[in-house]
Every structure is written in structure tokens, then in C-alpha cells.
Amino acid sequence: MLEMIDSADDVIALIVSDRIGGDELDAVMDRLDGAMARHDKVHVFVETRSIDGVEIAGLGAYMKRALPLLGKLDRFGRVAVVADQAWIRALTKIESAVLPHIGYRVFEPDARKEALDWVTGAA
């Protein structure tokens, strides 16, 4: 399930729980594409709750849209991931090491407000 959080136009903020499907991945990409069309830098806040999978059916179309973003990594500013599962925090730390020019931070659920404040520049 995907829930978009109201945020500034240059911030993509969302909560992902349980399972995420192709339509939800499309919604994220639509919002990201729009924000990148309007702003030089886009910041991302993702909170995950009890993730148990991604629907395979939507993954191919998502990857087709997501791969061109590798050429736009300099357009990403702060990225915060709040995760209740240790494996997601660990994977995010690995991803941040592979993409060193993006300001990644990983948070546990009790630091959610701190994470959102950091991404939005309020902290």
C-alpha cells in the first residue's frame, strides 16, 4: 500500500506498507517526474512499514521508467528512509554507499519527525 504525504513541491514524501504494486510505483514515478520538471533538486522521504514484497507484474514497467534516473542522480538532494525493518535499513545503507553524491540518511521509526524535518530542510 502507498500513501502520499502532503509536502513541498520539491519533496516526494510517502509511506509504503505491506506490498507495493505496479499502479503505486507508477504514481511515485509520476510525482517524481513532475517534481523534476519543476525543480533542479528533488528531496525524498520514504517511510516503510512491514514490507513483505513488491508485485513482480509492475516491476518491469517501473524499471523502464526508473533506469533513466541514473543519469540524473545529481538532481536528488536529501533522501531519508525511515524503516521498521532492519533489512530495509541495511539495504538503504548499501544503496547510499553506491550512490555517494546523494545525501542519504536512514532512520528508525522513533526518529520519523527528525527524518522528515531533515528532508524538508526544517532541521
PDB file of N, CA and C in Angstrom:
ATOM      1  N   MET A   1       0.840  -1.175   0.000  1.00  0.00           N
ATOM      2  CA  MET A   1       0.000   0.000   0.000  1.00  0.00           C
ATOM      3  C   MET A   1       0.890   1.245   0.000  1.00  0.00           C
ATOM      4  N   LEU A   2       0.450   2.259  -0.688  1.00  0.00           N
ATOM      5  CA  LEU A   2       1.190   3.504  -0.812  1.00  0.00           C
ATOM      6  C   LEU A   2       0.321   4.660  -0.342  1.00  0.00           C
ATOM      7  N   GLU A   3       0.917   5.517   0.466  1.00  0.00           N
ATOM      8  CA  GLU A   3       0.241   6.734   0.916  1.00  0.00           C
ATOM      9  C   GLU A   3       1.166   7.911   0.658  1.00  0.00           C
ATOM     10  N   MET A   4       0.718   8.871  -0.138  1.00  0.00           N
ATOM     11  CA  MET A   4       1.491  10.088  -0.376  1.00  0.00           C
ATOM     12  C   MET A   4       1.256  11.032   0.801  1.00  0.00           C
ATOM     13  N   ILE A   5       2.302  11.705   1.234  1.00  0.00           N
ATOM     14  CA  ILE A   5       2.227  12.667   2.328  1.00  0.00           C
ATOM     15  C   ILE A   5       2.300  14.062   1.721  1.00  0.00           C
ATOM     16  N   ASP A   6       1.422  14.958   2.161  1.00  0.00           N
ATOM     17  CA  ASP A   6       1.484  16.345   1.696  1.00  0.00           C
ATOM     18  C   ASP A   6       2.855  16.917   2.041  1.00  0.00           C
ATOM     19  N   SER A   7       3.475  17.549   1.061  1.00  0.00           N
ATOM     20  CA  SER A   7       4.804  18.109   1.274  1.00  0.00           C
ATOM     21  C   SER A   7       5.038  19.219   0.260  1.00  0.00           C
ATOM     22  N   ALA A   8       6.156  19.901   0.430  1.00  0.00           N
ATOM     23  CA  ALA A   8       6.543  20.929  -0.535  1.00  0.00           C
ATOM     24  C   ALA A   8       6.669  20.287  -1.910  1.00  0.00           C
ATOM     25  N   ASP A   9       6.558  21.102  -2.948  1.00  0.00           N
ATOM     26  CA  ASP A   9       6.557  20.598  -4.319  1.00  0.00           C
ATOM     27  C   ASP A   9       7.867  19.925  -4.713  1.00  0.00           C
ATOM     28  N   ASP A  10       8.969  20.290  -4.049  1.00  0.00           N
ATOM     29  CA  ASP A  10      10.252  19.681  -4.374  1.00  0.00           C
ATOM     30  C   ASP A  10      10.593  18.494  -3.471  1.00  0.00           C
ATOM     31  N   VAL A  11       9.611  18.031  -2.702  1.00  0.00           N
ATOM     32  CA  VAL A  11       9.783  16.894  -1.798  1.00  0.00           C
ATOM     33  C   VAL A  11       8.778  15.808  -2.155  1.00  0.00           C
ATOM     34  N   ILE A  12       9.284  14.615  -2.407  1.00  0.00           N
ATOM     35  CA  ILE A  12       8.430  13.446  -2.595  1.00  0.00           C
ATOM     36  C   ILE A  12       8.405  12.744  -1.250  1.00  0.00           C
ATOM     37  N   ALA A  13       7.249  12.703  -0.610  1.00  0.00           N
ATOM     38  CA  ALA A  13       7.131  12.090   0.709  1.00  0.00           C
ATOM     39  C   ALA A  13       6.040  11.027   0.659  1.00  0.00           C
ATOM     40  N   LEU A  14       6.393   9.829   1.100  1.00  0.00           N
ATOM     41  CA  LEU A  14       5.426   8.743   1.031  1.00  0.00           C
ATOM     42  C   LEU A  14       5.660   7.689   2.094  1.00  0.00           C
ATOM     43  N   ILE A  15       4.593   6.938   2.342  1.00  0.00           N
ATOM     44  CA  ILE A  15       4.634   5.800   3.255  1.00  0.00           C
ATOM     45  C   ILE A  15       4.303   4.558   2.437  1.00  0.00           C
ATOM     46  N   VAL A  16       5.132   3.551   2.555  1.00  0.00           N
ATOM     47  CA  VAL A  16       4.912   2.280   1.867  1.00  0.00           C
ATOM     48  C   VAL A  16       4.734   1.214   2.945  1.00  0.00           C
ATOM     49  N   SER A  17       3.657   0.442   2.826  1.00  0.00           N
ATOM     50  CA  SER A  17       3.438  -0.623   3.796  1.00  0.00           C
ATOM     51  C   SER A  17       2.973  -1.888   3.093  1.00  0.00           C
ATOM     52  N   ASP A  18       3.232  -2.991   3.747  1.00  0.00           N
ATOM     53  CA  ASP A  18       2.840  -4.313   3.262  1.00  0.00           C
ATOM     54  C   ASP A  18       3.455  -4.608   1.894  1.00  0.00           C
ATOM     55  N   ARG A  19       2.672  -4.461   0.857  1.00  0.00           N
ATOM     56  CA  ARG A  19       3.068  -4.796  -0.509  1.00  0.00           C
ATOM     57  C   ARG A  19       2.842  -3.582  -1.410  1.00  0.00           C
ATOM     58  N   ILE A  20       3.701  -3.411  -2.399  1.00  0.00           N
ATOM     59  CA  ILE A  20       3.515  -2.301  -3.342  1.00  0.00           C
ATOM     60  C   ILE A  20       3.328  -2.870  -4.742  1.00  0.00           C
ATOM     61  N   GLY A  21       2.369  -2.310  -5.460  1.00  0.00           N
ATOM     62  CA  GLY A  21       2.040  -2.807  -6.794  1.00  0.00           C
ATOM     63  C   GLY A  21       2.447  -1.854  -7.901  1.00  0.00           C
ATOM     64  N   GLY A  22       2.244  -2.289  -9.133  1.00  0.00           N
ATOM     65  CA  GLY A  22       2.626  -1.516 -10.304  1.00  0.00           C
ATOM     66  C   GLY A  22       1.959  -0.159 -10.391  1.00  0.00           C
ATOM     67  N   ASP A  23       0.668  -0.083 -10.074  1.00  0.00           N
ATOM     68  CA  ASP A  23      -0.035   1.206 -10.125  1.00  0.00           C
ATOM     69  C   ASP A  23       0.557   2.190  -9.122  1.00  0.00           C
ATOM     70  N   GLU A  24       0.947   1.682  -7.962  1.00  0.00           N
ATOM     71  CA  GLU A  24       1.540   2.540  -6.941  1.00  0.00           C
ATOM     72  C   GLU A  24       2.936   3.004  -7.360  1.00  0.00           C
ATOM     73  N   LEU A  25       3.706   2.122  -7.960  1.00  0.00           N
ATOM     74  CA  LEU A  25       5.023   2.518  -8.464  1.00  0.00           C
ATOM     75  C   LEU A  25       4.881   3.579  -9.550  1.00  0.00           C
ATOM     76  N   ASP A  26       3.875   3.441 -10.412  1.00  0.00           N
ATOM     77  CA  ASP A  26       3.612   4.452 -11.443  1.00  0.00           C
ATOM     78  C   ASP A  26       3.279   5.799 -10.815  1.00  0.00           C
ATOM     79  N   ALA A  27       2.503   5.787  -9.738  1.00  0.00           N
ATOM     80  CA  ALA A  27       2.128   7.037  -9.061  1.00  0.00           C
ATOM     81  C   ALA A  27       3.367   7.734  -8.500  1.00  0.00           C
ATOM     82  N   VAL A  28       4.286   6.968  -7.939  1.00  0.00           N
ATOM     83  CA  VAL A  28       5.532   7.544  -7.418  1.00  0.00           C
ATOM     84  C   VAL A  28       6.338   8.153  -8.562  1.00  0.00           C
ATOM     85  N   MET A  29       6.475   7.420  -9.654  1.00  0.00           N
ATOM     86  CA  MET A  29       7.242   7.928 -10.796  1.00  0.00           C
ATOM     87  C   MET A  29       6.586   9.167 -11.400  1.00  0.00           C
ATOM     88  N   ASP A  30       5.263   9.197 -11.475  1.00  0.00           N
ATOM     89  CA  ASP A  30       4.560  10.379 -11.994  1.00  0.00           C
ATOM     90  C   ASP A  30       4.875  11.602 -11.141  1.00  0.00           C
ATOM     91  N   ARG A  31       4.812  11.414  -9.826  1.00  0.00           N
ATOM     92  CA  ARG A  31       5.079  12.536  -8.928  1.00  0.00           C
ATOM     93  C   ARG A  31       6.545  12.972  -9.031  1.00  0.00           C
ATOM     94  N   LEU A  32       7.450  12.016  -9.123  1.00  0.00           N
ATOM     95  CA  LEU A  32       8.873  12.330  -9.251  1.00  0.00           C
ATOM     96  C   LEU A  32       9.165  13.048 -10.564  1.00  0.00           C
ATOM     97  N   ASP A  33       8.603  12.558 -11.659  1.00  0.00           N
ATOM     98  CA  ASP A  33       8.797  13.211 -12.956  1.00  0.00           C
ATOM     99  C   ASP A  33       8.306  14.662 -12.919  1.00  0.00           C
ATOM    100  N   GLY A  34       7.150  14.877 -12.304  1.00  0.00           N
ATOM    101  CA  GLY A  34       6.604  16.235 -12.203  1.00  0.00           C
ATOM    102  C   GLY A  34       7.492  17.144 -11.380  1.00  0.00           C
ATOM    103  N   ALA A  35       7.961  16.655 -10.251  1.00  0.00           N
ATOM    104  CA  ALA A  35       8.826  17.462  -9.393  1.00  0.00           C
ATOM    105  C   ALA A  35      10.145  17.788 -10.087  1.00  0.00           C
ATOM    106  N   MET A  36      10.690  16.824 -10.811  1.00  0.00           N
ATOM    107  CA  MET A  36      11.953  17.072 -11.529  1.00  0.00           C
ATOM    108  C   MET A  36      11.770  18.045 -12.679  1.00  0.00           C
ATOM    109  N   ALA A  37      10.600  18.091 -13.258  1.00  0.00           N
ATOM    110  CA  ALA A  37      10.330  19.049 -14.333  1.00  0.00           C
ATOM    111  C   ALA A  37      10.275  20.481 -13.797  1.00  0.00           C
ATOM    112  N   ARG A  38       9.941  20.630 -12.523  1.00  0.00           N
ATOM    113  CA  ARG A  38       9.767  21.964 -11.939  1.00  0.00           C
ATOM    114  C   ARG A  38      10.926  22.427 -11.063  1.00  0.00           C
ATOM    115  N   HIS A  39      11.803  21.505 -10.651  1.00  0.00           N
ATOM    116  CA  HIS A  39      12.851  21.855  -9.683  1.00  0.00           C
ATOM    117  C   HIS A  39      14.197  21.255 -10.093  1.00  0.00           C
ATOM    118  N   ASP A  40      15.265  21.980  -9.753  1.00  0.00           N
ATOM    119  CA  ASP A  40      16.614  21.482 -10.018  1.00  0.00           C
ATOM    120  C   ASP A  40      16.988  20.340  -9.083  1.00  0.00           C
ATOM    121  N   LYS A  41      16.526  20.415  -7.836  1.00  0.00           N
ATOM    122  CA  LYS A  41      16.798  19.379  -6.833  1.00  0.00           C
ATOM    123  C   LYS A  41      15.467  18.872  -6.277  1.00  0.00           C
ATOM    124  N   VAL A  42      15.417  17.566  -6.089  1.00  0.00           N
ATOM    125  CA  VAL A  42      14.238  16.936  -5.509  1.00  0.00           C
ATOM    126  C   VAL A  42      14.706  16.129  -4.301  1.00  0.00           C
ATOM    127  N   HIS A  43      13.957  16.234  -3.211  1.00  0.00           N
ATOM    128  CA  HIS A  43      14.273  15.533  -1.976  1.00  0.00           C
ATOM    129  C   HIS A  43      13.222  14.443  -1.762  1.00  0.00           C
ATOM    130  N   VAL A  44      13.620  13.376  -1.081  1.00  0.00           N
ATOM    131  CA  VAL A  44      12.733  12.219  -0.954  1.00  0.00           C
ATOM    132  C   VAL A  44      12.677  11.751   0.498  1.00  0.00           C
ATOM    133  N   PHE A  45      11.453  11.523   0.976  1.00  0.00           N
ATOM    134  CA  PHE A  45      11.205  10.926   2.289  1.00  0.00           C
ATOM    135  C   PHE A  45      10.384   9.669   2.052  1.00  0.00           C
ATOM    136  N   VAL A  46      10.903   8.528   2.512  1.00  0.00           N
ATOM    137  CA  VAL A  46      10.179   7.263   2.390  1.00  0.00           C
ATOM    138  C   VAL A  46      10.118   6.609   3.763  1.00  0.00           C
ATOM    139  N   GLU A  47       8.910   6.320   4.182  1.00  0.00           N
ATOM    140  CA  GLU A  47       8.718   5.566   5.423  1.00  0.00           C
ATOM    141  C   GLU A  47       8.174   4.201   5.038  1.00  0.00           C
ATOM    142  N   THR A  48       8.837   3.155   5.496  1.00  0.00           N
ATOM    143  CA  THR A  48       8.358   1.810   5.197  1.00  0.00           C
ATOM    144  C   THR A  48       7.833   1.169   6.476  1.00  0.00           C
ATOM    145  N   ARG A  49       6.748   0.405   6.299  1.00  0.00           N
ATOM    146  CA  ARG A  49       6.128  -0.287   7.429  1.00  0.00           C
ATOM    147  C   ARG A  49       5.810  -1.723   7.015  1.00  0.00           C
ATOM    148  N   SER A  50       6.465  -2.648   7.642  1.00  0.00           N
ATOM    149  CA  SER A  50       6.192  -4.080   7.454  1.00  0.00           C
ATOM    150  C   SER A  50       6.136  -4.491   5.985  1.00  0.00           C
ATOM    151  N   ILE A  51       7.159  -4.165   5.234  1.00  0.00           N
ATOM    152  CA  ILE A  51       7.203  -4.513   3.813  1.00  0.00           C
ATOM    153  C   ILE A  51       7.349  -6.032   3.668  1.00  0.00           C
ATOM    154  N   ASP A  52       6.476  -6.603   2.839  1.00  0.00           N
ATOM    155  CA  ASP A  52       6.597  -8.042   2.592  1.00  0.00           C
ATOM    156  C   ASP A  52       6.701  -8.370   1.114  1.00  0.00           C
ATOM    157  N   GLY A  53       6.830  -7.346   0.264  1.00  0.00           N
ATOM    158  CA  GLY A  53       7.070  -7.645  -1.135  1.00  0.00           C
ATOM    159  C   GLY A  53       6.647  -6.568  -2.103  1.00  0.00           C
ATOM    160  N   VAL A  54       7.087  -6.765  -3.330  1.00  0.00           N
ATOM    161  CA  VAL A  54       6.733  -5.916  -4.463  1.00  0.00           C
ATOM    162  C   VAL A  54       6.119  -6.837  -5.500  1.00  0.00           C
ATOM    163  N   GLU A  55       4.989  -6.417  -6.068  1.00  0.00           N
ATOM    164  CA  GLU A  55       4.367  -7.234  -7.100  1.00  0.00           C
ATOM    165  C   GLU A  55       5.263  -7.277  -8.329  1.00  0.00           C
ATOM    166  N   ILE A  56       5.617  -8.448  -8.753  1.00  0.00           N
ATOM    167  CA  ILE A  56       6.508  -8.643  -9.901  1.00  0.00           C
ATOM    168  C   ILE A  56       5.911  -8.057 -11.178  1.00  0.00           C
ATOM    169  N   ALA A  57       4.605  -8.120 -11.319  1.00  0.00           N
ATOM    170  CA  ALA A  57       3.952  -7.681 -12.558  1.00  0.00           C
ATOM    171  C   ALA A  57       4.266  -6.223 -12.888  1.00  0.00           C
ATOM    172  N   GLY A  58       4.385  -5.362 -11.897  1.00  0.00           N
ATOM    173  CA  GLY A  58       4.634  -3.951 -12.159  1.00  0.00           C
ATOM    174  C   GLY A  58       6.093  -3.571 -12.192  1.00  0.00           C
ATOM    175  N   LEU A  59       6.957  -4.495 -11.860  1.00  0.00           N
ATOM    176  CA  LEU A  59       8.377  -4.181 -11.727  1.00  0.00           C
ATOM    177  C   LEU A  59       9.056  -3.842 -13.054  1.00  0.00           C
ATOM    178  N   GLY A  60       8.713  -4.517 -14.129  1.00  0.00           N
ATOM    179  CA  GLY A  60       9.343  -4.264 -15.426  1.00  0.00           C
ATOM    180  C   GLY A  60       9.084  -2.848 -15.921  1.00  0.00           C
ATOM    181  N   ALA A  61       7.832  -2.412 -15.868  1.00  0.00           N
ATOM    182  CA  ALA A  61       7.483  -1.058 -16.306  1.00  0.00           C
ATOM    183  C   ALA A  61       8.142  -0.015 -15.413  1.00  0.00           C
ATOM    184  N   TYR A  62       8.204  -0.302 -14.114  1.00  0.00           N
ATOM    185  CA  TYR A  62       8.848   0.619 -13.182  1.00  0.00           C
ATOM    186  C   TYR A  62      10.334   0.765 -13.512  1.00  0.00           C
ATOM    187  N   MET A  63      11.019  -0.357 -13.732  1.00  0.00           N
ATOM    188  CA  MET A  63      12.446  -0.317 -14.039  1.00  0.00           C
ATOM    189  C   MET A  63      12.706   0.459 -15.331  1.00  0.00           C
ATOM    190  N   LYS A  64      11.830   0.306 -16.296  1.00  0.00           N
ATOM    191  CA  LYS A  64      11.981   1.033 -17.558  1.00  0.00           C
ATOM    192  C   LYS A  64      11.928   2.545 -17.319  1.00  0.00           C
ATOM    193  N   ARG A  65      11.082   2.973 -16.395  1.00  0.00           N
ATOM    194  CA  ARG A  65      10.983   4.395 -16.070  1.00  0.00           C
ATOM    195  C   ARG A  65      12.080   4.846 -15.115  1.00  0.00           C
ATOM    196  N   ALA A  66      12.523   3.957 -14.233  1.00  0.00           N
ATOM    197  CA  ALA A  66      13.489   4.332 -13.200  1.00  0.00           C
ATOM    198  C   ALA A  66      14.932   4.370 -13.698  1.00  0.00           C
ATOM    199  N   LEU A  67      15.295   3.501 -14.618  1.00  0.00           N
ATOM    200  CA  LEU A  67      16.688   3.439 -15.082  1.00  0.00           C
ATOM    201  C   LEU A  67      17.221   4.768 -15.624  1.00  0.00           C
ATOM    202  N   PRO A  68      16.439   5.552 -16.384  1.00  0.00           N
ATOM    203  CA  PRO A  68      16.967   6.841 -16.842  1.00  0.00           C
ATOM    204  C   PRO A  68      17.327   7.803 -15.706  1.00  0.00           C
ATOM    205  N   LEU A  69      16.805   7.554 -14.507  1.00  0.00           N
ATOM    206  CA  LEU A  69      17.139   8.413 -13.376  1.00  0.00           C
ATOM    207  C   LEU A  69      18.605   8.285 -12.969  1.00  0.00           C
ATOM    208  N   LEU A  70      19.255   7.204 -13.364  1.00  0.00           N
ATOM    209  CA  LEU A  70      20.684   7.057 -13.060  1.00  0.00           C
ATOM    210  C   LEU A  70      21.501   8.187 -13.683  1.00  0.00           C
ATOM    211  N   GLY A  71      21.024   8.730 -14.773  1.00  0.00           N
ATOM    212  CA  GLY A  71      21.697   9.861 -15.409  1.00  0.00           C
ATOM    213  C   GLY A  71      21.349  11.196 -14.780  1.00  0.00           C
ATOM    214  N   LYS A  72      20.439  11.176 -13.813  1.00  0.00           N
ATOM    215  CA  LYS A  72      20.004  12.416 -13.156  1.00  0.00           C
ATOM    216  C   LYS A  72      20.261  12.383 -11.653  1.00  0.00           C
ATOM    217  N   LEU A  73      21.207  11.587 -11.212  1.00  0.00           N
ATOM    218  CA  LEU A  73      21.447  11.452  -9.781  1.00  0.00           C
ATOM    219  C   LEU A  73      21.812  12.778  -9.124  1.00  0.00           C
ATOM    220  N   ASP A  74      22.433  13.678  -9.881  1.00  0.00           N
ATOM    221  CA  ASP A  74      22.799  14.979  -9.334  1.00  0.00           C
ATOM    222  C   ASP A  74      21.582  15.848  -9.034  1.00  0.00           C
ATOM    223  N   ARG A  75      20.413  15.430  -9.469  1.00  0.00           N
ATOM    224  CA  ARG A  75      19.168  16.179  -9.238  1.00  0.00           C
ATOM    225  C   ARG A  75      18.509  15.809  -7.907  1.00  0.00           C
ATOM    226  N   PHE A  76      19.034  14.747  -7.261  1.00  0.00           N
ATOM    227  CA  PHE A  76      18.498  14.341  -5.961  1.00  0.00           C
ATOM    228  C   PHE A  76      19.263  15.040  -4.860  1.00  0.00           C
ATOM    229  N   GLY A  77      18.532  15.579  -3.904  1.00  0.00           N
ATOM    230  CA  GLY A  77      19.142  16.233  -2.746  1.00  0.00           C
ATOM    231  C   GLY A  77      19.187  15.288  -1.568  1.00  0.00           C
ATOM    232  N   ARG A  78      18.400  15.602  -0.551  1.00  0.00           N
ATOM    233  CA  ARG A  78      18.359  14.779   0.661  1.00  0.00           C
ATOM    234  C   ARG A  78      17.365  13.629   0.484  1.00  0.00           C
ATOM    235  N   VAL A  79      17.771  12.436   0.906  1.00  0.00           N
ATOM    236  CA  VAL A  79      16.908  11.256   0.869  1.00  0.00           C
ATOM    237  C   VAL A  79      16.908  10.653   2.270  1.00  0.00           C
ATOM    238  N   ALA A  80      15.725  10.568   2.870  1.00  0.00           N
ATOM    239  CA  ALA A  80      15.591   9.947   4.188  1.00  0.00           C
ATOM    240  C   ALA A  80      14.720   8.714   4.067  1.00  0.00           C
ATOM    241  N   VAL A  81      15.173   7.639   4.671  1.00  0.00           N
ATOM    242  CA  VAL A  81      14.395   6.405   4.712  1.00  0.00           C
ATOM    243  C   VAL A  81      14.167   6.059   6.175  1.00  0.00           C
ATOM    244  N   VAL A  82      12.899   5.960   6.545  1.00  0.00           N
ATOM    245  CA  VAL A  82      12.504   5.530   7.885  1.00  0.00           C
ATOM    246  C   VAL A  82      11.960   4.122   7.729  1.00  0.00           C
ATOM    247  N   ALA A  83      12.588   3.169   8.405  1.00  0.00           N
ATOM    248  CA  ALA A  83      12.192   1.772   8.213  1.00  0.00           C
ATOM    249  C   ALA A  83      12.076   1.050   9.543  1.00  0.00           C
ATOM    250  N   ASP A  84      10.994   0.289   9.664  1.00  0.00           N
ATOM    251  CA  ASP A  84      10.805  -0.505  10.879  1.00  0.00           C
ATOM    252  C   ASP A  84      11.480  -1.869  10.786  1.00  0.00           C
ATOM    253  N   GLN A  85      12.040  -2.199   9.635  1.00  0.00           N
ATOM    254  CA  GLN A  85      12.697  -3.485   9.447  1.00  0.00           C
ATOM    255  C   GLN A  85      14.192  -3.281   9.216  1.00  0.00           C
ATOM    256  N   ALA A  86      14.998  -4.029   9.949  1.00  0.00           N
ATOM    257  CA  ALA A  86      16.465  -3.880   9.872  1.00  0.00           C
ATOM    258  C   ALA A  86      16.987  -4.164   8.468  1.00  0.00           C
ATOM    259  N   TRP A  87      16.392  -5.110   7.741  1.00  0.00           N
ATOM    260  CA  TRP A  87      16.904  -5.449   6.414  1.00  0.00           C
ATOM    261  C   TRP A  87      16.731  -4.296   5.433  1.00  0.00           C
ATOM    262  N   ILE A  88      15.682  -3.512   5.595  1.00  0.00           N
ATOM    263  CA  ILE A  88      15.494  -2.345   4.715  1.00  0.00           C
ATOM    264  C   ILE A  88      16.505  -1.267   5.071  1.00  0.00           C
ATOM    265  N   ARG A  89      16.742  -1.049   6.350  1.00  0.00           N
ATOM    266  CA  ARG A  89      17.762  -0.072   6.751  1.00  0.00           C
ATOM    267  C   ARG A  89      19.129  -0.482   6.212  1.00  0.00           C
ATOM    268  N   ALA A  90      19.447  -1.766   6.275  1.00  0.00           N
ATOM    269  CA  ALA A  90      20.743  -2.251   5.778  1.00  0.00           C
ATOM    270  C   ALA A  90      20.864  -2.073   4.270  1.00  0.00           C
ATOM    271  N   LEU A  91      19.827  -2.446   3.522  1.00  0.00           N
ATOM    272  CA  LEU A  91      19.861  -2.263   2.060  1.00  0.00           C
ATOM    273  C   LEU A  91      19.977  -0.793   1.682  1.00  0.00           C
ATOM    274  N   THR A  92      19.315   0.075   2.430  1.00  0.00           N
ATOM    275  CA  THR A  92      19.383   1.506   2.149  1.00  0.00           C
ATOM    276  C   THR A  92      20.797   2.032   2.389  1.00  0.00           C
ATOM    277  N   LYS A  93      21.451   1.550   3.434  1.00  0.00           N
ATOM    278  CA  LYS A  93      22.834   1.972   3.691  1.00  0.00           C
ATOM    279  C   LYS A  93      23.762   1.516   2.565  1.00  0.00           C
ATOM    280  N   ILE A  94      23.530   0.322   2.044  1.00  0.00           N
ATOM    281  CA  ILE A  94      24.323  -0.158   0.901  1.00  0.00           C
ATOM    282  C   ILE A  94      24.057   0.727  -0.311  1.00  0.00           C
ATOM    283  N   GLU A  95      22.782   1.025  -0.576  1.00  0.00           N
ATOM    284  CA  GLU A  95      22.432   1.888  -1.702  1.00  0.00           C
ATOM    285  C   GLU A  95      23.090   3.256  -1.559  1.00  0.00           C
ATOM    286  N   SER A  96      23.108   3.799  -0.342  1.00  0.00           N
ATOM    287  CA  SER A  96      23.715   5.123  -0.150  1.00  0.00           C
ATOM    288  C   SER A  96      25.215   5.091  -0.420  1.00  0.00           C
ATOM    289  N   ALA A  97      25.865   3.970  -0.153  1.00  0.00           N
ATOM    290  CA  ALA A  97      27.298   3.848  -0.438  1.00  0.00           C
ATOM    291  C   ALA A  97      27.557   3.778  -1.937  1.00  0.00           C
ATOM    292  N   VAL A  98      26.635   3.183  -2.674  1.00  0.00           N
ATOM    293  CA  VAL A  98      26.775   3.047  -4.126  1.00  0.00           C
ATOM    294  C   VAL A  98      26.464   4.381  -4.826  1.00  0.00           C
ATOM    295  N   LEU A  99      25.634   5.187  -4.217  1.00  0.00           N
ATOM    296  CA  LEU A  99      25.245   6.482  -4.783  1.00  0.00           C
ATOM    297  C   LEU A  99      25.736   7.602  -3.861  1.00  0.00           C
ATOM    298  N   PRO A 100      27.054   7.827  -3.801  1.00  0.00           N
ATOM    299  CA  PRO A 100      27.631   8.711  -2.791  1.00  0.00           C
ATOM    300  C   PRO A 100      27.321  10.196  -2.952  1.00  0.00           C
ATOM    301  N   HIS A 101      26.841  10.630  -4.078  1.00  0.00           N
ATOM    302  CA  HIS A 101      26.596  12.062  -4.276  1.00  0.00           C
ATOM    303  C   HIS A 101      25.204  12.489  -3.832  1.00  0.00           C
ATOM    304  N   ILE A 102      24.455  11.554  -3.284  1.00  0.00           N
ATOM    305  CA  ILE A 102      23.124  11.847  -2.761  1.00  0.00           C
ATOM    306  C   ILE A 102      23.218  11.826  -1.242  1.00  0.00           C
ATOM    307  N   GLY A 103      22.585  12.810  -0.597  1.00  0.00           N
ATOM    308  CA  GLY A 103      22.596  12.876   0.863  1.00  0.00           C
ATOM    309  C   GLY A 103      21.592  11.918   1.470  1.00  0.00           C
ATOM    310  N   TYR A 104      22.014  10.694   1.727  1.00  0.00           N
ATOM    311  CA  TYR A 104      21.151   9.661   2.310  1.00  0.00           C
ATOM    312  C   TYR A 104      21.280   9.653   3.822  1.00  0.00           C
ATOM    313  N   ARG A 105      20.156   9.444   4.486  1.00  0.00           N
ATOM    314  CA  ARG A 105      20.169   9.141   5.919  1.00  0.00           C
ATOM    315  C   ARG A 105      19.103   8.098   6.181  1.00  0.00           C
ATOM    316  N   VAL A 106      19.408   7.195   7.090  1.00  0.00           N
ATOM    317  CA  VAL A 106      18.497   6.112   7.445  1.00  0.00           C
ATOM    318  C   VAL A 106      18.075   6.306   8.904  1.00  0.00           C
ATOM    319  N   PHE A 107      16.780   6.138   9.161  1.00  0.00           N
ATOM    320  CA  PHE A 107      16.229   6.384  10.483  1.00  0.00           C
ATOM    321  C   PHE A 107      15.359   5.212  10.939  1.00  0.00           C
ATOM    322  N   GLU A 108      15.274   5.064  12.245  1.00  0.00           N
ATOM    323  CA  GLU A 108      14.326   4.117  12.824  1.00  0.00           C
ATOM    324  C   GLU A 108      13.011   4.866  13.048  1.00  0.00           C
ATOM    325  N   PRO A 109      11.903   4.147  13.233  1.00  0.00           N
ATOM    326  CA  PRO A 109      10.586   4.795  13.325  1.00  0.00           C
ATOM    327  C   PRO A 109      10.463   5.875  14.397  1.00  0.00           C
ATOM    328  N   ASP A 110      11.171   5.748  15.508  1.00  0.00           N
ATOM    329  CA  ASP A 110      11.036   6.762  16.557  1.00  0.00           C
ATOM    330  C   ASP A 110      11.684   8.096  16.176  1.00  0.00           C
ATOM    331  N   ALA A 111      12.431   8.126  15.091  1.00  0.00           N
ATOM    332  CA  ALA A 111      13.064   9.360  14.605  1.00  0.00           C
ATOM    333  C   ALA A 111      12.383   9.880  13.338  1.00  0.00           C
ATOM    334  N   ARG A 112      11.142   9.507  13.125  1.00  0.00           N
ATOM    335  CA  ARG A 112      10.400   9.898  11.918  1.00  0.00           C
ATOM    336  C   ARG A 112      10.347  11.417  11.732  1.00  0.00           C
ATOM    337  N   LYS A 113       9.997  12.148  12.784  1.00  0.00           N
ATOM    338  CA  LYS A 113       9.887  13.604  12.673  1.00  0.00           C
ATOM    339  C   LYS A 113      11.237  14.221  12.314  1.00  0.00           C
ATOM    340  N   GLU A 114      12.299  13.738  12.941  1.00  0.00           N
ATOM    341  CA  GLU A 114      13.641  14.223  12.629  1.00  0.00           C
ATOM    342  C   GLU A 114      13.968  13.988  11.149  1.00  0.00           C
ATOM    343  N   ALA A 115      13.595  12.818  10.642  1.00  0.00           N
ATOM    344  CA  ALA A 115      13.857  12.479   9.235  1.00  0.00           C
ATOM    345  C   ALA A 115      13.109  13.409   8.299  1.00  0.00           C
ATOM    346  N   LEU A 116      11.829  13.622   8.571  1.00  0.00           N
ATOM    347  CA  LEU A 116      11.023  14.497   7.711  1.00  0.00           C
ATOM    348  C   LEU A 116      11.526  15.937   7.778  1.00  0.00           C
ATOM    349  N   ASP A 117      11.884  16.398   8.970  1.00  0.00           N
ATOM    350  CA  ASP A 117      12.434  17.749   9.111  1.00  0.00           C
ATOM    351  C   ASP A 117      13.741  17.900   8.331  1.00  0.00           C
ATOM    352  N   TRP A 118      14.595  16.866   8.380  1.00  0.00           N
ATOM    353  CA  TRP A 118      15.865  16.922   7.664  1.00  0.00           C
ATOM    354  C   TRP A 118      15.635  17.001   6.143  1.00  0.00           C
ATOM    355  N   VAL A 119      14.730  16.178   5.637  1.00  0.00           N
ATOM    356  CA  VAL A 119      14.465  16.168   4.185  1.00  0.00           C
ATOM    357  C   VAL A 119      13.889  17.500   3.728  1.00  0.00           C
ATOM    358  N   THR A 120      12.988  18.067   4.502  1.00  0.00           N
ATOM    359  CA  THR A 120      12.348  19.315   4.087  1.00  0.00           C
ATOM    360  C   THR A 120      13.203  20.540   4.353  1.00  0.00           C
ATOM    361  N   GLY A 121      14.312  20.347   5.056  1.00  0.00           N
ATOM    362  CA  GLY A 121      15.200  21.475   5.361  1.00  0.00           C
ATOM    363  C   GLY A 121      14.794  22.225   6.605  1.00  0.00           C
ATOM    364  N   ALA A 122      13.836  21.698   7.368  1.00  0.00           N
ATOM    365  CA  ALA A 122      13.385  22.361   8.604  1.00  0.00           C
ATOM    366  C   ALA A 122      14.358  22.135   9.753  1.00  0.00           C
ATOM    367  N   ALA A 123      15.231  21.146   9.618  1.00  0.00           N
ATOM    368  CA  ALA A 123      16.180  20.836  10.706  1.00  0.00           C
ATOM    369  C   ALA A 123      17.543  21.415  10.418  1.00  0.00           C
TER     370      ALA A 123
END
